Amino acid sequence: MGRSTFEGPVLAGTNRFTPFRNVGSVDLAQEGAMTLTNTTANTANYGGSSGQFVTPMQLYPNTAATVYQPSSSSAVLTAQTVPADTASNIYRGMVMYLPAGSSINDIFVDVGAVPTVTAGTLSTITVYVSNNYTAQAGTPTYAATGTISAVGRQSLATFTAAQLLNQFSTSTDITAQAAGVSGVNFSQLVFTISLAGSSMTSISAGLFYFTVRYTQVDSTGNATTYPYGNVD
């Protein structure tokens, strides 16, 4: 059975060229889930481990991920070191990749089980959404939650002007040349789960679902967007 792929945004609408242009681009989405107590790579909901973030393979098990130093020009990938667990800070995270210049329409952070630790005091749980790993109380590129204390969809903190601008057009963090592929450059999207407290030991619970909805921008100004011309 044959299989084909399509690279680029898809337009939907009936009128593309007049002042009554009513076409828009179809949303794309990526999602993943993390069970923080699952430390076995390449299994469903793998949650990473000390210093190790994960990447979702959509309908496949999570795998170990490398967080790269963002660069819009380098032809060489440089790994970012995620701090190992300490008694005061524990980090877990998920990495996704978008076409550079995408417009982020929604970011969902859903909690299926609030994190707990085996011993010590867990004071603050926060998720940061950025183009790199984000330390506790850091300033993420795209968004952050408030302090998480309950199961459910989490509210995002008030966006700054810079974050809104970044969401409108995501940064080039990995060049196609550095990634060894053809096509567009990549935006690196990193969900950092930050657990802050004192005398903390291992994680004993925690389940997160992450979703990003976005529109891939056509760098040619819609000249190559499918379908060409008007749709009747």
C-alpha atoms as a PDB file:
ATOM      1  CA  MET A   1       0.000   0.000   0.000  1.00  0.00           C
ATOM      2  CA  GLY A   2       1.455   3.360  -1.009  1.00  0.00           C
ATOM      3  CA  ARG A   3       2.119   6.152   1.428  1.00  0.00           C
ATOM      4  CA  SER A   4       2.773   9.830   0.820  1.00  0.00           C
ATOM      5  CA  THR A   5       3.564  12.818   3.001  1.00  0.00           C
ATOM      6  CA  PHE A   6       2.811  16.507   2.594  1.00  0.00           C
ATOM      7  CA  GLU A   7       4.999  19.291   3.923  1.00  0.00           C
ATOM      8  CA  GLY A   8       3.349  22.629   4.434  1.00  0.00           C
ATOM      9  CA  PRO A   9       0.132  24.261   5.583  1.00  0.00           C
ATOM     10  CA  VAL A  10      -3.276  23.479   4.087  1.00  0.00           C
ATOM     11  CA  LEU A  11      -5.772  26.232   3.276  1.00  0.00           C
ATOM     12  CA  ALA A  12      -9.508  25.850   3.861  1.00  0.00           C
ATOM     13  CA  GLY A  13     -12.151  28.240   2.562  1.00  0.00           C
ATOM     14  CA  THR A  14     -13.919  29.368  -0.596  1.00  0.00           C
ATOM     15  CA  ASN A  15     -12.389  32.718  -1.554  1.00  0.00           C
ATOM     16  CA  ARG A  16      -8.673  33.340  -1.596  1.00  0.00           C
ATOM     17  CA  PHE A  17      -8.016  36.501  -3.625  1.00  0.00           C
ATOM     18  CA  THR A  18     -10.620  39.277  -3.131  1.00  0.00           C
ATOM     19  CA  PRO A  19     -11.099  41.643  -0.160  1.00  0.00           C
ATOM     20  CA  PHE A  20     -13.576  39.034   1.081  1.00  0.00           C
ATOM     21  CA  ARG A  21     -10.803  36.487   1.511  1.00  0.00           C
ATOM     22  CA  ASN A  22     -12.158  33.848   3.883  1.00  0.00           C
ATOM     23  CA  VAL A  23      -9.513  31.148   3.751  1.00  0.00           C
ATOM     24  CA  GLY A  24      -7.467  30.068   6.749  1.00  0.00           C
ATOM     25  CA  SER A  25      -4.774  27.537   7.513  1.00  0.00           C
ATOM     26  CA  VAL A  26      -5.645  24.186   9.070  1.00  0.00           C
ATOM     27  CA  ASP A  27      -4.378  23.649  12.610  1.00  0.00           C
ATOM     28  CA  LEU A  28      -1.770  21.010  13.352  1.00  0.00           C
ATOM     29  CA  ALA A  29      -1.233  19.436  16.759  1.00  0.00           C
ATOM     30  CA  GLN A  30       1.322  17.449  18.701  1.00  0.00           C
ATOM     31  CA  GLU A  31       0.748  15.806  22.055  1.00  0.00           C
ATOM     32  CA  GLY A  32       2.369  13.525  24.565  1.00  0.00           C
ATOM     33  CA  ALA A  33       1.936  12.092  28.047  1.00  0.00           C
ATOM     34  CA  MET A  34       4.411  11.562  30.893  1.00  0.00           C
ATOM     35  CA  THR A  35       4.072   9.355  33.954  1.00  0.00           C
ATOM     36  CA  LEU A  36       6.834  10.653  36.205  1.00  0.00           C
ATOM     37  CA  THR A  37       7.315   7.317  37.966  1.00  0.00           C
ATOM     38  CA  ASN A  38       7.929   5.486  34.683  1.00  0.00           C
ATOM     39  CA  THR A  39      11.707   5.481  34.198  1.00  0.00           C
ATOM     40  CA  THR A  40      11.828   2.851  31.442  1.00  0.00           C
ATOM     41  CA  ALA A  41      12.666   4.385  28.066  1.00  0.00           C
ATOM     42  CA  ASN A  42      10.689   3.393  24.964  1.00  0.00           C
ATOM     43  CA  THR A  43       7.584   2.494  26.926  1.00  0.00           C
ATOM     44  CA  ALA A  44       4.193   4.183  27.054  1.00  0.00           C
ATOM     45  CA  ASN A  45       4.269   7.494  28.951  1.00  0.00           C
ATOM     46  CA  TYR A  46       7.974   7.187  29.777  1.00  0.00           C
ATOM     47  CA  GLY A  47       8.619  10.097  32.158  1.00  0.00           C
ATOM     48  CA  GLY A  48      12.378  10.479  31.936  1.00  0.00           C
ATOM     49  CA  SER A  49      14.787  10.469  34.857  1.00  0.00           C
ATOM     50  CA  SER A  50      17.373  12.626  36.588  1.00  0.00           C
ATOM     51  CA  GLY A  51      18.834  14.902  33.899  1.00  0.00           C
ATOM     52  CA  GLN A  52      16.909  13.129  31.125  1.00  0.00           C
ATOM     53  CA  PHE A  53      13.984  14.643  29.194  1.00  0.00           C
ATOM     54  CA  VAL A  54      11.792  12.705  26.736  1.00  0.00           C
ATOM     55  CA  THR A  55      10.199  13.169  23.326  1.00  0.00           C
ATOM     56  CA  PRO A  56       6.792  11.748  22.315  1.00  0.00           C
ATOM     57  CA  MET A  57       6.481   9.658  19.187  1.00  0.00           C
ATOM     58  CA  GLN A  58       2.771  10.492  18.961  1.00  0.00           C
ATOM     59  CA  LEU A  59       1.133   7.043  18.913  1.00  0.00           C
ATOM     60  CA  TYR A  60       4.362   5.326  19.921  1.00  0.00           C
ATOM     61  CA  PRO A  61       6.214   5.073  23.270  1.00  0.00           C
ATOM     62  CA  ASN A  62       8.234   8.043  24.530  1.00  0.00           C
ATOM     63  CA  THR A  63      11.964   7.989  23.930  1.00  0.00           C
ATOM     64  CA  ALA A  64      14.905   9.744  25.570  1.00  0.00           C
ATOM     65  CA  ALA A  65      15.497  13.227  24.138  1.00  0.00           C
ATOM     66  CA  THR A  66      18.423  15.602  23.894  1.00  0.00           C
ATOM     67  CA  VAL A  67      17.680  19.253  24.618  1.00  0.00           C
ATOM     68  CA  TYR A  68      19.834  21.340  22.274  1.00  0.00           C
ATOM     69  CA  GLN A  69      21.230  24.832  22.693  1.00  0.00           C
ATOM     70  CA  PRO A  70      19.061  26.997  20.413  1.00  0.00           C
ATOM     71  CA  SER A  71      20.908  28.427  17.404  1.00  0.00           C
ATOM     72  CA  SER A  72      19.522  29.993  14.256  1.00  0.00           C
ATOM     73  CA  SER A  73      22.750  29.602  12.306  1.00  0.00           C
ATOM     74  CA  SER A  74      24.938  26.803  13.632  1.00  0.00           C
ATOM     75  CA  ALA A  75      25.492  23.735  11.485  1.00  0.00           C
ATOM     76  CA  VAL A  76      26.441  21.741  14.606  1.00  0.00           C
ATOM     77  CA  LEU A  77      24.089  20.611  17.368  1.00  0.00           C
ATOM     78  CA  THR A  78      25.210  21.368  20.928  1.00  0.00           C
ATOM     79  CA  ALA A  79      23.523  19.522  23.782  1.00  0.00           C
ATOM     80  CA  GLN A  80      22.081  21.421  26.740  1.00  0.00           C
ATOM     81  CA  THR A  81      22.778  19.867  30.150  1.00  0.00           C
ATOM     82  CA  VAL A  82      19.596  19.355  32.172  1.00  0.00           C
ATOM     83  CA  PRO A  83      20.485  19.529  35.896  1.00  0.00           C
ATOM     84  CA  ALA A  84      20.432  16.299  37.860  1.00  0.00           C
ATOM     85  CA  ASP A  85      17.959  15.908  40.713  1.00  0.00           C
ATOM     86  CA  THR A  86      18.794  17.628  43.988  1.00  0.00           C
ATOM     87  CA  ALA A  87      17.033  17.849  47.332  1.00  0.00           C
ATOM     88  CA  SER A  88      15.636  21.254  46.352  1.00  0.00           C
ATOM     89  CA  ASN A  89      14.984  20.966  42.589  1.00  0.00           C
ATOM     90  CA  ILE A  90      13.769  18.107  40.404  1.00  0.00           C
ATOM     91  CA  TYR A  91      13.206  18.623  36.667  1.00  0.00           C
ATOM     92  CA  ARG A  92      11.400  16.471  34.132  1.00  0.00           C
ATOM     93  CA  GLY A  93      10.436  17.489  30.627  1.00  0.00           C
ATOM     94  CA  MET A  94       9.150  16.793  27.148  1.00  0.00           C
ATOM     95  CA  VAL A  95      10.613  18.030  23.846  1.00  0.00           C
ATOM     96  CA  MET A  96       8.654  18.603  20.636  1.00  0.00           C
ATOM     97  CA  TYR A  97       9.730  20.079  17.287  1.00  0.00           C
ATOM     98  CA  LEU A  98       7.730  22.494  15.116  1.00  0.00           C
ATOM     99  CA  PRO A  99       8.572  24.018  11.731  1.00  0.00           C
ATOM    100  CA  ALA A 100      10.391  27.284  12.445  1.00  0.00           C
ATOM    101  CA  GLY A 101       8.156  30.314  12.111  1.00  0.00           C
ATOM    102  CA  SER A 102       5.025  28.447  13.165  1.00  0.00           C
ATOM    103  CA  SER A 103       2.208  30.289  14.898  1.00  0.00           C
ATOM    104  CA  ILE A 104       1.245  28.704  18.216  1.00  0.00           C
ATOM    105  CA  ASN A 105      -2.527  28.828  18.714  1.00  0.00           C
ATOM    106  CA  ASP A 106      -2.962  26.847  21.939  1.00  0.00           C
ATOM    107  CA  ILE A 107      -0.836  25.259  24.633  1.00  0.00           C
ATOM    108  CA  PHE A 108      -2.528  22.769  26.941  1.00  0.00           C
ATOM    109  CA  VAL A 109      -1.002  21.496  30.167  1.00  0.00           C
ATOM    110  CA  ASP A 110      -3.227  18.825  31.702  1.00  0.00           C
ATOM    111  CA  VAL A 111      -2.519  17.055  34.983  1.00  0.00           C
ATOM    112  CA  GLY A 112      -3.833  13.532  35.522  1.00  0.00           C
ATOM    113  CA  ALA A 113      -2.061  13.048  38.855  1.00  0.00           C
ATOM    114  CA  VAL A 114      -0.440  15.800  40.906  1.00  0.00           C
ATOM    115  CA  PRO A 115       3.250  15.027  41.581  1.00  0.00           C
ATOM    116  CA  THR A 116       4.361  13.899  45.023  1.00  0.00           C
ATOM    117  CA  VAL A 117       7.751  12.917  46.425  1.00  0.00           C
ATOM    118  CA  THR A 118       8.706   9.928  48.545  1.00  0.00           C
ATOM    119  CA  ALA A 119      10.209  12.061  51.306  1.00  0.00           C
ATOM    120  CA  GLY A 120      10.830  15.719  52.008  1.00  0.00           C
ATOM    121  CA  THR A 121       8.667  18.719  51.171  1.00  0.00           C
ATOM    122  CA  LEU A 122       7.426  19.518  47.661  1.00  0.00           C
ATOM    123  CA  SER A 123       6.504  23.210  47.768  1.00  0.00           C
ATOM    124  CA  THR A 124       6.003  24.339  44.168  1.00  0.00           C
ATOM    125  CA  ILE A 125       5.039  22.593  40.914  1.00  0.00           C
ATOM    126  CA  THR A 126       5.295  24.646  37.735  1.00  0.00           C
ATOM    127  CA  VAL A 127       5.430  23.894  34.004  1.00  0.00           C
ATOM    128  CA  TYR A 128       7.438  26.191  31.708  1.00  0.00           C
ATOM    129  CA  VAL A 129       7.062  26.152  27.906  1.00  0.00           C
ATOM    130  CA  SER A 130      10.135  27.459  26.132  1.00  0.00           C
ATOM    131  CA  ASN A 131      12.666  26.763  23.402  1.00  0.00           C
ATOM    132  CA  ASN A 132      15.105  25.358  25.981  1.00  0.00           C
ATOM    133  CA  TYR A 133      15.177  23.822  29.428  1.00  0.00           C
ATOM    134  CA  THR A 134      13.901  26.395  31.971  1.00  0.00           C
ATOM    135  CA  ALA A 135      15.115  26.570  35.571  1.00  0.00           C
ATOM    136  CA  GLN A 136      12.778  27.184  38.515  1.00  0.00           C
ATOM    137  CA  ALA A 137      11.500  30.800  38.497  1.00  0.00           C
ATOM    138  CA  GLY A 138      12.979  31.298  35.021  1.00  0.00           C
ATOM    139  CA  THR A 139      11.444  33.255  32.140  1.00  0.00           C
ATOM    140  CA  PRO A 140      10.180  30.869  29.427  1.00  0.00           C
ATOM    141  CA  THR A 141       9.970  31.847  25.770  1.00  0.00           C
ATOM    142  CA  TYR A 142       6.303  30.950  25.276  1.00  0.00           C
ATOM    143  CA  ALA A 143       4.299  30.348  28.464  1.00  0.00           C
ATOM    144  CA  ALA A 144       4.178  29.109  32.060  1.00  0.00           C
ATOM    145  CA  THR A 145       1.532  27.756  34.392  1.00  0.00           C
ATOM    146  CA  GLY A 146       0.797  29.033  37.852  1.00  0.00           C
ATOM    147  CA  THR A 147       1.549  26.804  40.823  1.00  0.00           C
ATOM    148  CA  ILE A 148      -0.055  23.405  40.153  1.00  0.00           C
ATOM    149  CA  SER A 149      -2.043  21.908  43.016  1.00  0.00           C
ATOM    150  CA  ALA A 150      -4.938  19.958  41.474  1.00  0.00           C
ATOM    151  CA  VAL A 151      -5.827  17.526  38.713  1.00  0.00           C
ATOM    152  CA  GLY A 152      -7.194  19.084  35.524  1.00  0.00           C
ATOM    153  CA  ARG A 153      -6.357  21.553  32.793  1.00  0.00           C
ATOM    154  CA  GLN A 154      -3.989  24.173  34.128  1.00  0.00           C
ATOM    155  CA  SER A 155      -4.318  27.907  33.551  1.00  0.00           C
ATOM    156  CA  LEU A 156      -1.393  29.635  31.891  1.00  0.00           C
ATOM    157  CA  ALA A 157       0.034  32.728  33.524  1.00  0.00           C
ATOM    158  CA  THR A 158      -0.614  36.111  31.907  1.00  0.00           C
ATOM    159  CA  PHE A 159       1.452  36.306  28.746  1.00  0.00           C
ATOM    160  CA  THR A 160       4.074  38.984  28.339  1.00  0.00           C
ATOM    161  CA  ALA A 161       4.346  40.999  25.127  1.00  0.00           C
ATOM    162  CA  ALA A 162       7.526  39.098  24.284  1.00  0.00           C
ATOM    163  CA  GLN A 163       5.827  35.715  24.780  1.00  0.00           C
ATOM    164  CA  LEU A 164       2.916  36.707  22.528  1.00  0.00           C
ATOM    165  CA  LEU A 165       5.355  37.819  19.838  1.00  0.00           C
ATOM    166  CA  ASN A 166       7.288  34.552  20.163  1.00  0.00           C
ATOM    167  CA  GLN A 167       4.080  32.521  19.848  1.00  0.00           C
ATOM    168  CA  PHE A 168       3.109  34.377  16.682  1.00  0.00           C
ATOM    169  CA  SER A 169       6.308  33.183  14.997  1.00  0.00           C
ATOM    170  CA  THR A 170       8.374  30.507  16.708  1.00  0.00           C
ATOM    171  CA  SER A 171      12.140  30.868  16.708  1.00  0.00           C
ATOM    172  CA  THR A 172      14.675  28.972  14.615  1.00  0.00           C
ATOM    173  CA  ASP A 173      16.435  26.794  17.195  1.00  0.00           C
ATOM    174  CA  ILE A 174      17.821  23.978  15.032  1.00  0.00           C
ATOM    175  CA  THR A 175      18.805  24.466  11.409  1.00  0.00           C
ATOM    176  CA  ALA A 176      17.924  21.809   8.865  1.00  0.00           C
ATOM    177  CA  GLN A 177      21.632  21.537   8.086  1.00  0.00           C
ATOM    178  CA  ALA A 178      22.481  20.814  11.726  1.00  0.00           C
ATOM    179  CA  ALA A 179      19.721  18.208  11.908  1.00  0.00           C
ATOM    180  CA  GLY A 180      21.006  16.556   8.730  1.00  0.00           C
ATOM    181  CA  VAL A 181      17.686  16.829   6.908  1.00  0.00           C
ATOM    182  CA  SER A 182      16.230  18.765   4.008  1.00  0.00           C
ATOM    183  CA  GLY A 183      13.365  21.200   4.317  1.00  0.00           C
ATOM    184  CA  VAL A 184      12.545  23.885   6.858  1.00  0.00           C
ATOM    185  CA  ASN A 185      14.403  24.689  10.060  1.00  0.00           C
ATOM    186  CA  PHE A 186      13.069  23.592  13.442  1.00  0.00           C
ATOM    187  CA  SER A 187      11.647  25.277  16.510  1.00  0.00           C
ATOM    188  CA  GLN A 188      12.437  23.360  19.699  1.00  0.00           C
ATOM    189  CA  LEU A 189       9.500  23.314  22.123  1.00  0.00           C
ATOM    190  CA  VAL A 190      10.409  22.200  25.651  1.00  0.00           C
ATOM    191  CA  PHE A 191       7.885  21.585  28.424  1.00  0.00           C
ATOM    192  CA  THR A 192       9.868  21.739  31.694  1.00  0.00           C
ATOM    193  CA  ILE A 193       8.205  20.360  34.820  1.00  0.00           C
ATOM    194  CA  SER A 194       9.838  22.044  37.804  1.00  0.00           C
ATOM    195  CA  LEU A 195       9.439  20.519  41.271  1.00  0.00           C
ATOM    196  CA  ALA A 196      10.866  22.771  43.988  1.00  0.00           C
ATOM    197  CA  GLY A 197      11.066  22.058  47.702  1.00  0.00           C
ATOM    198  CA  SER A 198      13.405  20.844  50.416  1.00  0.00           C
ATOM    199  CA  SER A 199      14.913  17.497  51.411  1.00  0.00           C
ATOM    200  CA  MET A 200      13.151  15.879  48.433  1.00  0.00           C
ATOM    201  CA  THR A 201      13.989  12.343  47.364  1.00  0.00           C
ATOM    202  CA  SER A 202      12.448  10.321  44.530  1.00  0.00           C
ATOM    203  CA  ILE A 203       9.176  11.130  42.753  1.00  0.00           C
ATOM    204  CA  SER A 204       6.287   8.947  43.918  1.00  0.00           C
ATOM    205  CA  ALA A 205       3.482  10.175  41.610  1.00  0.00           C
ATOM    206  CA  GLY A 206       2.753  12.489  38.715  1.00  0.00           C
ATOM    207  CA  LEU A 207       1.016  12.352  35.320  1.00  0.00           C
ATOM    208  CA  PHE A 208       1.079  15.116  32.709  1.00  0.00           C
ATOM    209  CA  TYR A 209      -0.494  15.507  29.263  1.00  0.00           C
ATOM    210  CA  PHE A 210       0.975  18.159  26.941  1.00  0.00           C
ATOM    211  CA  THR A 211      -0.591  19.449  23.713  1.00  0.00           C
ATOM    212  CA  VAL A 212       0.406  22.217  21.324  1.00  0.00           C
ATOM    213  CA  ARG A 213      -1.822  23.424  18.464  1.00  0.00           C
ATOM    214  CA  TYR A 214      -0.115  25.457  15.772  1.00  0.00           C
ATOM    215  CA  THR A 215      -0.222  26.670  12.178  1.00  0.00           C
ATOM    216  CA  GLN A 216       2.771  26.111   9.939  1.00  0.00           C
ATOM    217  CA  VAL A 217       3.517  29.300   8.045  1.00  0.00           C
ATOM    218  CA  ASP A 218       4.274  29.101   4.320  1.00  0.00           C
ATOM    219  CA  SER A 219       7.484  31.084   3.832  1.00  0.00           C
ATOM    220  CA  THR A 220       6.588  31.714   0.176  1.00  0.00           C
ATOM    221  CA  GLY A 221       3.576  33.809   1.134  1.00  0.00           C
ATOM    222  CA  ASN A 222       1.018  31.073   0.361  1.00  0.00           C
ATOM    223  CA  ALA A 223       2.346  30.606  -3.175  1.00  0.00           C
ATOM    224  CA  THR A 224       2.867  26.917  -2.444  1.00  0.00           C
ATOM    225  CA  THR A 225       0.062  26.381   0.057  1.00  0.00           C
ATOM    226  CA  TYR A 226      -2.357  23.604  -0.885  1.00  0.00           C
ATOM    227  CA  PRO A 227      -4.868  23.904  -2.468  1.00  0.00           C
ATOM    228  CA  TYR A 228      -3.694  26.379  -5.081  1.00  0.00           C
ATOM    229  CA  GLY A 229      -6.168  29.097  -6.027  1.00  0.00           C
ATOM    230  CA  ASN A 230      -9.776  29.081  -4.878  1.00  0.00           C
ATOM    231  CA  VAL A 231     -11.730  26.086  -3.646  1.00  0.00           C
ATOM    232  CA  ASP A 232     -15.146  25.729  -5.267  1.00  0.00           C
END
